[in-house]
Amino acid sequence: AQTRILQEFTEDLAQFDVGAAQIEPIAGGGTHLYQSALEVANWTNTTLSSTYRRMLVVVTDGAPSGSDLPYREQLFAEAAAQDMRILAIGVGPASDQSEQSNDSAVAVVRELATETGGVYSGTTSSTQLVPVLSALANVSTRSQLLVLFQLTPPPPPGTPMSGTVTITGVRGTASARWTAISPGS
């Protein structure tokens, strides 16, 4: 398989950054999405105590290759057995926010999240990965919609805030009320 562990489980962000800096695209392209995610899920099951909450973060720009499809059901079965949620981030063709968006690639990446009780987010560029990953780090319940926005100027810490957010995409428009407390500095 094409899976490599770049950094074993750590709570040390500096060590995580070292591992993340080693990410490289597969020579010649191709996405072994299901197989790789399954291998990581299996590794997690044999390496970490079951007391840890199981979440797998997947960042991908493509749909799985044909040879990868047989691993799809195995991945979802293993994720269910471990109560593992997949937090899926689509970039490029796999992002519903990208100009290069491909409906089938977006559907595959969204399915990773929805079939496991995780969250999907599409980004328009790699520069959005840090705020998306930061937001995903705070995901605590199932069935959430991840919306990132910036208030300018930012309100003072502890300020109650509310409003309506409207999201428009290729599949239509949706609006919802929101409330929050401005975070501290």
N, C-alpha and C. Protein backbone atom coordinates (compact mmCIF):
# COMPACT_ATOMS: atom_id res chain seq x y z
N ALA A 1 0.84 -1.20 0.00
CA ALA A 1 0.00 0.00 0.00
C ALA A 1 0.87 1.25 0.00
N GLN A 2 0.23 2.36 -0.15
CA GLN A 2 0.93 3.64 -0.25
C GLN A 2 0.94 4.40 1.07
N THR A 3 0.49 3.79 2.15
CA THR A 3 0.36 4.48 3.43
C THR A 3 1.69 4.50 4.16
N ARG A 4 2.03 5.68 4.66
CA ARG A 4 3.23 5.84 5.49
C ARG A 4 2.83 6.61 6.73
N ILE A 5 3.26 6.15 7.89
CA ILE A 5 3.04 6.90 9.12
C ILE A 5 4.17 7.91 9.23
N LEU A 6 3.83 9.18 9.16
CA LEU A 6 4.84 10.24 9.21
C LEU A 6 5.10 10.69 10.64
N GLN A 7 4.13 10.47 11.52
CA GLN A 7 4.29 10.82 12.92
C GLN A 7 3.35 9.93 13.72
N GLU A 8 3.88 9.14 14.62
CA GLU A 8 3.03 8.32 15.47
C GLU A 8 2.22 9.23 16.39
N PHE A 9 1.24 8.67 17.06
CA PHE A 9 0.36 9.45 17.92
C PHE A 9 1.17 10.33 18.86
N THR A 10 0.80 11.60 18.92
CA THR A 10 1.47 12.53 19.80
C THR A 10 0.51 13.64 20.21
N GLU A 11 0.73 14.16 21.38
CA GLU A 11 0.01 15.35 21.82
C GLU A 11 0.94 16.57 21.69
N ASP A 12 2.14 16.35 21.20
CA ASP A 12 3.14 17.40 21.03
C ASP A 12 2.97 18.03 19.65
N LEU A 13 2.50 19.28 19.60
CA LEU A 13 2.24 19.94 18.32
C LEU A 13 3.50 20.13 17.49
N ALA A 14 4.65 20.32 18.12
CA ALA A 14 5.90 20.47 17.36
C ALA A 14 6.23 19.17 16.62
N GLN A 15 6.04 18.03 17.28
CA GLN A 15 6.27 16.75 16.61
C GLN A 15 5.27 16.55 15.48
N PHE A 16 4.01 16.93 15.71
CA PHE A 16 3.00 16.83 14.65
C PHE A 16 3.41 17.66 13.45
N ASP A 17 3.89 18.88 13.67
CA ASP A 17 4.31 19.75 12.57
C ASP A 17 5.45 19.13 11.77
N VAL A 18 6.37 18.45 12.44
CA VAL A 18 7.47 17.79 11.74
C VAL A 18 6.91 16.70 10.82
N GLY A 19 5.97 15.92 11.32
CA GLY A 19 5.35 14.87 10.50
C GLY A 19 4.57 15.46 9.34
N ALA A 20 3.78 16.50 9.60
CA ALA A 20 2.96 17.12 8.55
C ALA A 20 3.83 17.72 7.45
N ALA A 21 5.01 18.20 7.79
CA ALA A 21 5.91 18.80 6.79
C ALA A 21 6.44 17.77 5.80
N GLN A 22 6.30 16.49 6.12
CA GLN A 22 6.79 15.42 5.25
C GLN A 22 5.76 14.95 4.22
N ILE A 23 4.56 15.51 4.24
CA ILE A 23 3.51 15.09 3.31
C ILE A 23 3.91 15.46 1.89
N GLU A 24 3.84 14.47 1.00
CA GLU A 24 4.17 14.68 -0.40
C GLU A 24 3.12 14.00 -1.27
N PRO A 25 2.86 14.54 -2.46
CA PRO A 25 1.92 13.85 -3.36
C PRO A 25 2.51 12.54 -3.86
N ILE A 26 1.62 11.63 -4.23
CA ILE A 26 2.05 10.34 -4.77
C ILE A 26 2.58 10.57 -6.18
N ALA A 27 3.75 10.06 -6.47
CA ALA A 27 4.32 10.20 -7.81
C ALA A 27 3.38 9.60 -8.84
N GLY A 28 3.07 10.35 -9.87
CA GLY A 28 2.17 9.88 -10.92
C GLY A 28 0.70 10.03 -10.58
N GLY A 29 0.39 10.58 -9.41
CA GLY A 29 -1.01 10.80 -9.03
C GLY A 29 -1.67 9.53 -8.52
N GLY A 30 -2.94 9.61 -8.33
CA GLY A 30 -3.70 8.47 -7.81
C GLY A 30 -4.04 8.67 -6.36
N THR A 31 -5.19 8.13 -5.99
CA THR A 31 -5.64 8.27 -4.61
C THR A 31 -6.06 6.91 -4.08
N HIS A 32 -5.32 6.42 -3.12
CA HIS A 32 -5.65 5.17 -2.44
C HIS A 32 -6.38 5.54 -1.14
N LEU A 33 -7.48 6.24 -1.31
CA LEU A 33 -8.20 6.85 -0.21
C LEU A 33 -8.72 5.83 0.80
N TYR A 34 -9.53 4.89 0.36
CA TYR A 34 -10.14 3.92 1.27
C TYR A 34 -9.09 2.99 1.88
N GLN A 35 -8.18 2.50 1.05
CA GLN A 35 -7.15 1.57 1.55
C GLN A 35 -6.28 2.24 2.60
N SER A 36 -5.84 3.44 2.32
CA SER A 36 -4.98 4.14 3.26
C SER A 36 -5.71 4.47 4.56
N ALA A 37 -6.95 4.95 4.45
CA ALA A 37 -7.73 5.25 5.65
C ALA A 37 -7.97 3.98 6.46
N LEU A 38 -8.24 2.86 5.79
CA LEU A 38 -8.43 1.59 6.48
C LEU A 38 -7.16 1.16 7.20
N GLU A 39 -6.01 1.30 6.55
CA GLU A 39 -4.74 0.94 7.18
C GLU A 39 -4.49 1.78 8.42
N VAL A 40 -4.79 3.07 8.35
CA VAL A 40 -4.60 3.94 9.51
C VAL A 40 -5.59 3.55 10.62
N ALA A 41 -6.83 3.24 10.26
CA ALA A 41 -7.81 2.80 11.26
C ALA A 41 -7.34 1.52 11.94
N ASN A 42 -6.86 0.56 11.17
CA ASN A 42 -6.35 -0.69 11.74
C ASN A 42 -5.14 -0.44 12.63
N TRP A 43 -4.25 0.43 12.19
CA TRP A 43 -3.06 0.78 12.98
C TRP A 43 -3.51 1.41 14.30
N THR A 44 -4.47 2.31 14.23
CA THR A 44 -4.98 2.97 15.43
C THR A 44 -5.53 1.95 16.40
N ASN A 45 -6.26 0.97 15.89
CA ASN A 45 -6.89 -0.04 16.74
C ASN A 45 -5.87 -0.90 17.47
N THR A 46 -4.70 -1.11 16.87
CA THR A 46 -3.68 -1.96 17.50
C THR A 46 -2.64 -1.15 18.27
N THR A 47 -2.68 0.17 18.15
CA THR A 47 -1.64 1.00 18.75
C THR A 47 -2.13 1.82 19.94
N LEU A 48 -3.36 2.32 19.85
CA LEU A 48 -3.87 3.23 20.88
C LEU A 48 -4.87 2.53 21.79
N SER A 49 -4.88 2.95 23.02
CA SER A 49 -5.86 2.45 23.98
C SER A 49 -7.26 2.82 23.51
N SER A 50 -8.22 1.97 23.78
CA SER A 50 -9.60 2.24 23.37
C SER A 50 -10.21 3.40 24.15
N THR A 51 -9.50 3.92 25.16
CA THR A 51 -10.02 5.06 25.91
C THR A 51 -9.90 6.36 25.12
N TYR A 52 -9.04 6.37 24.08
CA TYR A 52 -8.91 7.56 23.25
C TYR A 52 -10.11 7.67 22.31
N ARG A 53 -10.56 8.89 22.11
CA ARG A 53 -11.62 9.15 21.15
C ARG A 53 -11.03 8.98 19.75
N ARG A 54 -11.71 8.25 18.89
CA ARG A 54 -11.18 7.92 17.57
C ARG A 54 -11.68 8.88 16.51
N MET A 55 -10.77 9.65 15.95
CA MET A 55 -11.06 10.53 14.82
C MET A 55 -9.93 10.42 13.82
N LEU A 56 -10.29 10.38 12.56
CA LEU A 56 -9.31 10.30 11.49
C LEU A 56 -9.52 11.53 10.61
N VAL A 57 -8.48 12.31 10.43
CA VAL A 57 -8.54 13.48 9.56
C VAL A 57 -8.00 13.09 8.20
N VAL A 58 -8.82 13.30 7.16
CA VAL A 58 -8.44 12.99 5.79
C VAL A 58 -8.47 14.28 4.99
N VAL A 59 -7.35 14.61 4.38
CA VAL A 59 -7.27 15.76 3.47
C VAL A 59 -6.96 15.18 2.10
N THR A 60 -7.84 15.43 1.13
CA THR A 60 -7.64 14.82 -0.18
C THR A 60 -8.14 15.74 -1.30
N ASP A 61 -7.54 15.58 -2.47
CA ASP A 61 -7.97 16.36 -3.63
C ASP A 61 -8.61 15.48 -4.69
N GLY A 62 -8.84 14.21 -4.38
CA GLY A 62 -9.37 13.37 -5.43
C GLY A 62 -10.21 12.21 -4.97
N ALA A 63 -10.92 11.64 -5.91
CA ALA A 63 -11.71 10.45 -5.69
C ALA A 63 -10.79 9.24 -5.71
N PRO A 64 -11.20 8.13 -5.11
CA PRO A 64 -10.34 6.96 -5.09
C PRO A 64 -10.15 6.36 -6.48
N SER A 65 -9.00 5.74 -6.66
CA SER A 65 -8.75 5.03 -7.92
C SER A 65 -9.61 3.77 -7.94
N GLY A 66 -9.83 3.21 -9.13
CA GLY A 66 -10.67 2.02 -9.26
C GLY A 66 -10.20 0.85 -8.42
N SER A 67 -8.89 0.67 -8.31
CA SER A 67 -8.37 -0.46 -7.53
C SER A 67 -8.59 -0.27 -6.03
N ASP A 68 -8.97 0.93 -5.62
CA ASP A 68 -9.18 1.23 -4.21
C ASP A 68 -10.61 0.95 -3.75
N LEU A 69 -11.54 0.87 -4.69
CA LEU A 69 -12.97 0.75 -4.34
C LEU A 69 -13.31 -0.46 -3.48
N PRO A 70 -12.65 -1.62 -3.64
CA PRO A 70 -13.00 -2.77 -2.78
C PRO A 70 -12.79 -2.51 -1.28
N TYR A 71 -12.01 -1.49 -0.92
CA TYR A 71 -11.73 -1.20 0.49
C TYR A 71 -12.80 -0.31 1.14
N ARG A 72 -13.73 0.22 0.35
CA ARG A 72 -14.73 1.17 0.84
C ARG A 72 -15.56 0.58 1.99
N GLU A 73 -16.19 -0.55 1.76
CA GLU A 73 -17.06 -1.15 2.78
C GLU A 73 -16.26 -1.59 4.01
N GLN A 74 -15.04 -2.08 3.78
CA GLN A 74 -14.18 -2.46 4.91
C GLN A 74 -13.87 -1.25 5.78
N LEU A 75 -13.59 -0.12 5.14
CA LEU A 75 -13.28 1.09 5.90
C LEU A 75 -14.47 1.50 6.76
N PHE A 76 -15.67 1.54 6.17
CA PHE A 76 -16.84 1.96 6.94
C PHE A 76 -17.15 0.97 8.06
N ALA A 77 -16.94 -0.33 7.83
CA ALA A 77 -17.17 -1.33 8.87
C ALA A 77 -16.17 -1.16 10.01
N GLU A 78 -14.91 -0.94 9.68
CA GLU A 78 -13.89 -0.75 10.72
C GLU A 78 -14.13 0.54 11.50
N ALA A 79 -14.50 1.60 10.80
CA ALA A 79 -14.81 2.87 11.48
C ALA A 79 -15.97 2.68 12.44
N ALA A 80 -17.00 1.94 12.04
CA ALA A 80 -18.15 1.69 12.91
C ALA A 80 -17.73 0.84 14.11
N ALA A 81 -16.91 -0.17 13.89
CA ALA A 81 -16.47 -1.05 14.97
C ALA A 81 -15.66 -0.28 16.01
N GLN A 82 -14.90 0.72 15.57
CA GLN A 82 -14.07 1.50 16.48
C GLN A 82 -14.76 2.78 16.96
N ASP A 83 -15.98 3.04 16.48
CA ASP A 83 -16.66 4.30 16.74
C ASP A 83 -15.75 5.46 16.34
N MET A 84 -15.13 5.30 15.17
CA MET A 84 -14.20 6.30 14.63
C MET A 84 -14.94 7.20 13.66
N ARG A 85 -14.80 8.51 13.87
CA ARG A 85 -15.38 9.47 12.95
C ARG A 85 -14.29 9.98 12.02
N ILE A 86 -14.67 10.22 10.77
CA ILE A 86 -13.72 10.77 9.80
C ILE A 86 -14.05 12.24 9.58
N LEU A 87 -13.07 13.07 9.80
CA LEU A 87 -13.16 14.50 9.53
C LEU A 87 -12.51 14.69 8.17
N ALA A 88 -13.31 14.96 7.15
CA ALA A 88 -12.86 14.94 5.77
C ALA A 88 -12.76 16.35 5.21
N ILE A 89 -11.59 16.69 4.67
CA ILE A 89 -11.37 18.00 4.08
C ILE A 89 -11.07 17.80 2.59
N GLY A 90 -11.93 18.36 1.76
CA GLY A 90 -11.74 18.29 0.32
C GLY A 90 -11.03 19.53 -0.18
N VAL A 91 -10.00 19.33 -0.99
CA VAL A 91 -9.29 20.44 -1.64
C VAL A 91 -9.36 20.21 -3.15
N GLY A 92 -9.21 21.27 -3.91
CA GLY A 92 -9.24 21.14 -5.37
C GLY A 92 -10.53 20.51 -5.84
N PRO A 93 -10.47 19.46 -6.66
CA PRO A 93 -11.66 18.82 -7.20
C PRO A 93 -12.60 18.24 -6.13
N ALA A 94 -12.08 17.88 -4.97
CA ALA A 94 -12.88 17.29 -3.91
C ALA A 94 -13.51 18.33 -2.99
N SER A 95 -13.38 19.60 -3.34
CA SER A 95 -13.95 20.69 -2.54
C SER A 95 -15.18 21.26 -3.22
N ASP A 96 -16.25 21.39 -2.47
CA ASP A 96 -17.45 22.01 -3.02
C ASP A 96 -17.31 23.51 -3.13
N GLN A 97 -16.18 24.05 -2.69
CA GLN A 97 -15.92 25.49 -2.74
C GLN A 97 -14.95 25.87 -3.84
N SER A 98 -14.39 24.90 -4.52
CA SER A 98 -13.34 25.14 -5.50
C SER A 98 -13.91 25.37 -6.89
N GLU A 99 -13.22 26.18 -7.68
CA GLU A 99 -13.60 26.36 -9.08
C GLU A 99 -13.39 25.08 -9.88
N GLN A 100 -12.49 24.20 -9.41
CA GLN A 100 -12.23 22.92 -10.09
C GLN A 100 -13.09 21.80 -9.52
N SER A 101 -14.12 22.13 -8.74
CA SER A 101 -14.96 21.14 -8.06
C SER A 101 -15.49 20.08 -9.02
N ASN A 102 -15.40 18.83 -8.58
CA ASN A 102 -15.91 17.69 -9.34
C ASN A 102 -16.95 17.00 -8.46
N ASP A 103 -18.19 16.95 -8.91
CA ASP A 103 -19.29 16.43 -8.08
C ASP A 103 -19.01 15.04 -7.53
N SER A 104 -18.46 14.16 -8.33
CA SER A 104 -18.23 12.79 -7.85
C SER A 104 -17.12 12.75 -6.79
N ALA A 105 -16.08 13.56 -6.94
CA ALA A 105 -15.01 13.62 -5.94
C ALA A 105 -15.54 14.21 -4.63
N VAL A 106 -16.36 15.27 -4.74
CA VAL A 106 -16.96 15.88 -3.54
C VAL A 106 -17.83 14.86 -2.83
N ALA A 107 -18.64 14.11 -3.58
CA ALA A 107 -19.55 13.12 -2.99
C ALA A 107 -18.78 12.05 -2.21
N VAL A 108 -17.66 11.60 -2.75
CA VAL A 108 -16.85 10.58 -2.08
C VAL A 108 -16.31 11.11 -0.76
N VAL A 109 -15.78 12.31 -0.78
CA VAL A 109 -15.18 12.86 0.44
C VAL A 109 -16.27 13.18 1.48
N ARG A 110 -17.39 13.70 1.03
CA ARG A 110 -18.51 13.94 1.95
C ARG A 110 -18.98 12.63 2.59
N GLU A 111 -19.03 11.57 1.78
CA GLU A 111 -19.49 10.28 2.30
C GLU A 111 -18.59 9.78 3.42
N LEU A 112 -17.29 10.02 3.32
CA LEU A 112 -16.38 9.62 4.40
C LEU A 112 -16.86 10.19 5.73
N ALA A 113 -17.28 11.44 5.71
CA ALA A 113 -17.75 12.10 6.93
C ALA A 113 -19.14 11.61 7.33
N THR A 114 -20.07 11.63 6.39
CA THR A 114 -21.46 11.31 6.76
C THR A 114 -21.64 9.86 7.18
N GLU A 115 -20.92 8.94 6.58
CA GLU A 115 -21.06 7.52 6.95
C GLU A 115 -20.44 7.20 8.30
N THR A 116 -19.61 8.10 8.82
CA THR A 116 -18.92 7.83 10.09
C THR A 116 -19.30 8.83 11.18
N GLY A 117 -20.26 9.71 10.90
CA GLY A 117 -20.66 10.70 11.89
C GLY A 117 -19.66 11.83 12.02
N GLY A 118 -18.83 12.00 11.01
CA GLY A 118 -17.82 13.05 11.03
C GLY A 118 -18.31 14.34 10.41
N VAL A 119 -17.38 15.15 9.97
CA VAL A 119 -17.68 16.46 9.39
C VAL A 119 -16.89 16.60 8.09
N TYR A 120 -17.55 17.16 7.07
CA TYR A 120 -16.89 17.48 5.79
C TYR A 120 -16.70 18.98 5.70
N SER A 121 -15.58 19.40 5.15
CA SER A 121 -15.36 20.80 4.84
C SER A 121 -14.59 20.87 3.53
N GLY A 122 -15.01 21.75 2.65
CA GLY A 122 -14.28 22.00 1.42
C GLY A 122 -13.50 23.30 1.56
N THR A 123 -12.33 23.36 0.96
CA THR A 123 -11.52 24.57 1.00
C THR A 123 -11.21 25.03 -0.43
N THR A 124 -11.00 26.32 -0.60
CA THR A 124 -10.66 26.82 -1.93
C THR A 124 -9.17 26.77 -2.19
N SER A 125 -8.38 26.69 -1.12
CA SER A 125 -6.93 26.61 -1.30
C SER A 125 -6.28 26.03 -0.06
N SER A 126 -5.03 25.65 -0.18
CA SER A 126 -4.31 25.08 0.96
C SER A 126 -4.14 26.09 2.08
N THR A 127 -4.23 27.39 1.77
CA THR A 127 -4.10 28.40 2.83
C THR A 127 -5.25 28.33 3.82
N GLN A 128 -6.37 27.71 3.44
CA GLN A 128 -7.51 27.58 4.36
C GLN A 128 -7.40 26.35 5.26
N LEU A 129 -6.39 25.52 5.05
CA LEU A 129 -6.29 24.29 5.84
C LEU A 129 -6.10 24.56 7.33
N VAL A 130 -5.28 25.54 7.70
CA VAL A 130 -5.03 25.80 9.12
C VAL A 130 -6.31 26.22 9.84
N PRO A 131 -7.10 27.19 9.34
CA PRO A 131 -8.33 27.50 10.07
C PRO A 131 -9.34 26.36 10.07
N VAL A 132 -9.41 25.59 8.99
CA VAL A 132 -10.33 24.45 8.96
C VAL A 132 -9.89 23.40 9.97
N LEU A 133 -8.61 23.05 9.99
CA LEU A 133 -8.11 22.07 10.95
C LEU A 133 -8.31 22.56 12.39
N SER A 134 -8.12 23.85 12.63
CA SER A 134 -8.35 24.41 13.96
C SER A 134 -9.81 24.26 14.37
N ALA A 135 -10.71 24.53 13.45
CA ALA A 135 -12.14 24.38 13.74
C ALA A 135 -12.49 22.91 13.97
N LEU A 136 -11.94 22.02 13.17
CA LEU A 136 -12.22 20.60 13.33
C LEU A 136 -11.70 20.06 14.66
N ALA A 137 -10.64 20.66 15.17
CA ALA A 137 -10.09 20.22 16.46
C ALA A 137 -11.10 20.41 17.59
N ASN A 138 -12.07 21.27 17.39
CA ASN A 138 -13.07 21.54 18.41
C ASN A 138 -14.39 20.82 18.18
N VAL A 139 -14.45 19.96 17.18
CA VAL A 139 -15.68 19.23 16.90
C VAL A 139 -15.91 18.23 18.03
N SER A 140 -17.08 18.28 18.63
CA SER A 140 -17.34 17.39 19.76
C SER A 140 -18.61 16.57 19.60
N THR A 141 -19.49 16.93 18.71
CA THR A 141 -20.73 16.17 18.56
C THR A 141 -20.92 15.80 17.09
N ARG A 142 -21.80 14.88 16.85
CA ARG A 142 -22.09 14.45 15.49
C ARG A 142 -23.02 15.46 14.81
N SER A 143 -23.09 15.39 13.50
CA SER A 143 -24.02 16.18 12.68
C SER A 143 -23.83 17.68 12.86
N GLN A 144 -22.64 18.14 12.63
CA GLN A 144 -22.35 19.55 12.70
C GLN A 144 -22.05 20.09 11.31
N LEU A 145 -22.34 21.36 11.12
CA LEU A 145 -21.95 22.07 9.92
C LEU A 145 -20.80 22.98 10.30
N LEU A 146 -19.72 22.88 9.59
CA LEU A 146 -18.54 23.69 9.89
C LEU A 146 -18.59 24.94 9.03
N VAL A 147 -18.67 26.09 9.68
CA VAL A 147 -18.68 27.37 8.98
C VAL A 147 -17.60 28.24 9.60
N LEU A 148 -16.70 28.73 8.79
CA LEU A 148 -15.65 29.63 9.27
C LEU A 148 -15.91 31.03 8.74
N PHE A 149 -15.86 32.01 9.61
CA PHE A 149 -16.01 33.39 9.17
C PHE A 149 -15.21 34.27 10.11
N GLN A 150 -14.97 35.50 9.67
CA GLN A 150 -14.17 36.43 10.45
C GLN A 150 -14.95 37.72 10.61
N LEU A 151 -15.08 38.19 11.86
CA LEU A 151 -15.74 39.46 12.13
C LEU A 151 -14.68 40.55 12.17
N THR A 152 -14.93 41.62 11.44
CA THR A 152 -13.98 42.73 11.40
C THR A 152 -14.71 44.01 11.76
N PRO A 153 -14.29 44.70 12.78
CA PRO A 153 -13.25 44.33 13.75
C PRO A 153 -13.76 43.26 14.70
N PRO A 154 -12.84 42.49 15.29
CA PRO A 154 -13.27 41.45 16.22
C PRO A 154 -13.86 42.07 17.49
N PRO A 155 -14.94 41.50 18.01
CA PRO A 155 -15.52 42.02 19.24
C PRO A 155 -14.62 41.70 20.44
N PRO A 156 -14.77 42.43 21.53
CA PRO A 156 -13.96 42.12 22.72
C PRO A 156 -14.24 40.71 23.23
N PRO A 157 -13.25 40.07 23.85
CA PRO A 157 -13.45 38.72 24.39
C PRO A 157 -14.65 38.67 25.34
N GLY A 158 -15.41 37.57 25.23
CA GLY A 158 -16.55 37.37 26.11
C GLY A 158 -17.83 38.04 25.66
N THR A 159 -17.82 38.71 24.50
CA THR A 159 -19.00 39.41 24.00
C THR A 159 -19.99 38.42 23.40
N PRO A 160 -21.27 38.45 23.86
CA PRO A 160 -22.27 37.60 23.21
C PRO A 160 -22.51 38.09 21.78
N MET A 161 -22.60 37.16 20.85
CA MET A 161 -22.80 37.51 19.44
C MET A 161 -23.92 36.64 18.88
N SER A 162 -24.64 37.16 17.89
CA SER A 162 -25.65 36.35 17.21
C SER A 162 -25.87 36.96 15.83
N GLY A 163 -26.46 36.17 14.97
CA GLY A 163 -26.74 36.66 13.63
C GLY A 163 -27.33 35.55 12.78
N THR A 164 -27.36 35.79 11.52
CA THR A 164 -27.83 34.80 10.56
C THR A 164 -26.72 34.56 9.56
N VAL A 165 -26.44 33.31 9.30
CA VAL A 165 -25.46 32.96 8.29
C VAL A 165 -26.21 32.36 7.10
N THR A 166 -25.86 32.81 5.92
CA THR A 166 -26.44 32.27 4.69
C THR A 166 -25.31 31.69 3.86
N ILE A 167 -25.49 30.45 3.46
CA ILE A 167 -24.47 29.76 2.68
C ILE A 167 -25.06 29.46 1.31
N THR A 168 -24.33 29.86 0.29
CA THR A 168 -24.76 29.61 -1.08
C THR A 168 -23.70 28.78 -1.78
N GLY A 169 -24.13 27.72 -2.42
CA GLY A 169 -23.21 26.84 -3.14
C GLY A 169 -23.88 26.36 -4.41
N VAL A 170 -23.24 25.43 -5.05
CA VAL A 170 -23.75 24.93 -6.31
C VAL A 170 -25.07 24.18 -6.14
N ARG A 171 -25.36 23.74 -4.94
CA ARG A 171 -26.60 23.00 -4.69
C ARG A 171 -27.71 23.86 -4.09
N GLY A 172 -27.48 25.16 -3.96
CA GLY A 172 -28.54 26.03 -3.45
C GLY A 172 -28.07 26.91 -2.32
N THR A 173 -29.05 27.47 -1.58
CA THR A 173 -28.80 28.40 -0.50
C THR A 173 -29.50 27.92 0.76
N ALA A 174 -28.84 28.08 1.90
CA ALA A 174 -29.43 27.75 3.20
C ALA A 174 -29.06 28.84 4.19
N SER A 175 -29.97 29.16 5.10
CA SER A 175 -29.74 30.15 6.13
C SER A 175 -30.05 29.56 7.49
N ALA A 176 -29.35 30.01 8.52
CA ALA A 176 -29.60 29.57 9.89
C ALA A 176 -29.15 30.64 10.86
N ARG A 177 -29.81 30.72 12.00
CA ARG A 177 -29.41 31.62 13.08
C ARG A 177 -28.22 30.99 13.81
N TRP A 178 -27.34 31.82 14.37
CA TRP A 178 -26.23 31.34 15.13
C TRP A 178 -26.04 32.24 16.35
N THR A 179 -25.47 31.68 17.38
CA THR A 179 -25.08 32.43 18.58
C THR A 179 -23.73 31.92 19.04
N ALA A 180 -22.95 32.80 19.64
CA ALA A 180 -21.64 32.42 20.13
C ALA A 180 -21.16 33.47 21.12
N ILE A 181 -20.15 33.13 21.86
CA ILE A 181 -19.46 34.07 22.75
C ILE A 181 -18.09 34.30 22.14
N SER A 182 -17.72 35.57 21.98
CA SER A 182 -16.42 35.90 21.40
C SER A 182 -15.30 35.28 22.23
N PRO A 183 -14.38 34.55 21.57
CA PRO A 183 -13.30 33.90 22.32
C PRO A 183 -12.33 34.91 22.90
N GLY A 184 -11.61 34.46 23.93
CA GLY A 184 -10.59 35.31 24.54
C GLY A 184 -9.38 35.45 23.66
N SER A 185 -8.49 36.34 24.01
CA SER A 185 -7.32 36.61 23.18
C SER A 185 -6.23 35.59 23.36
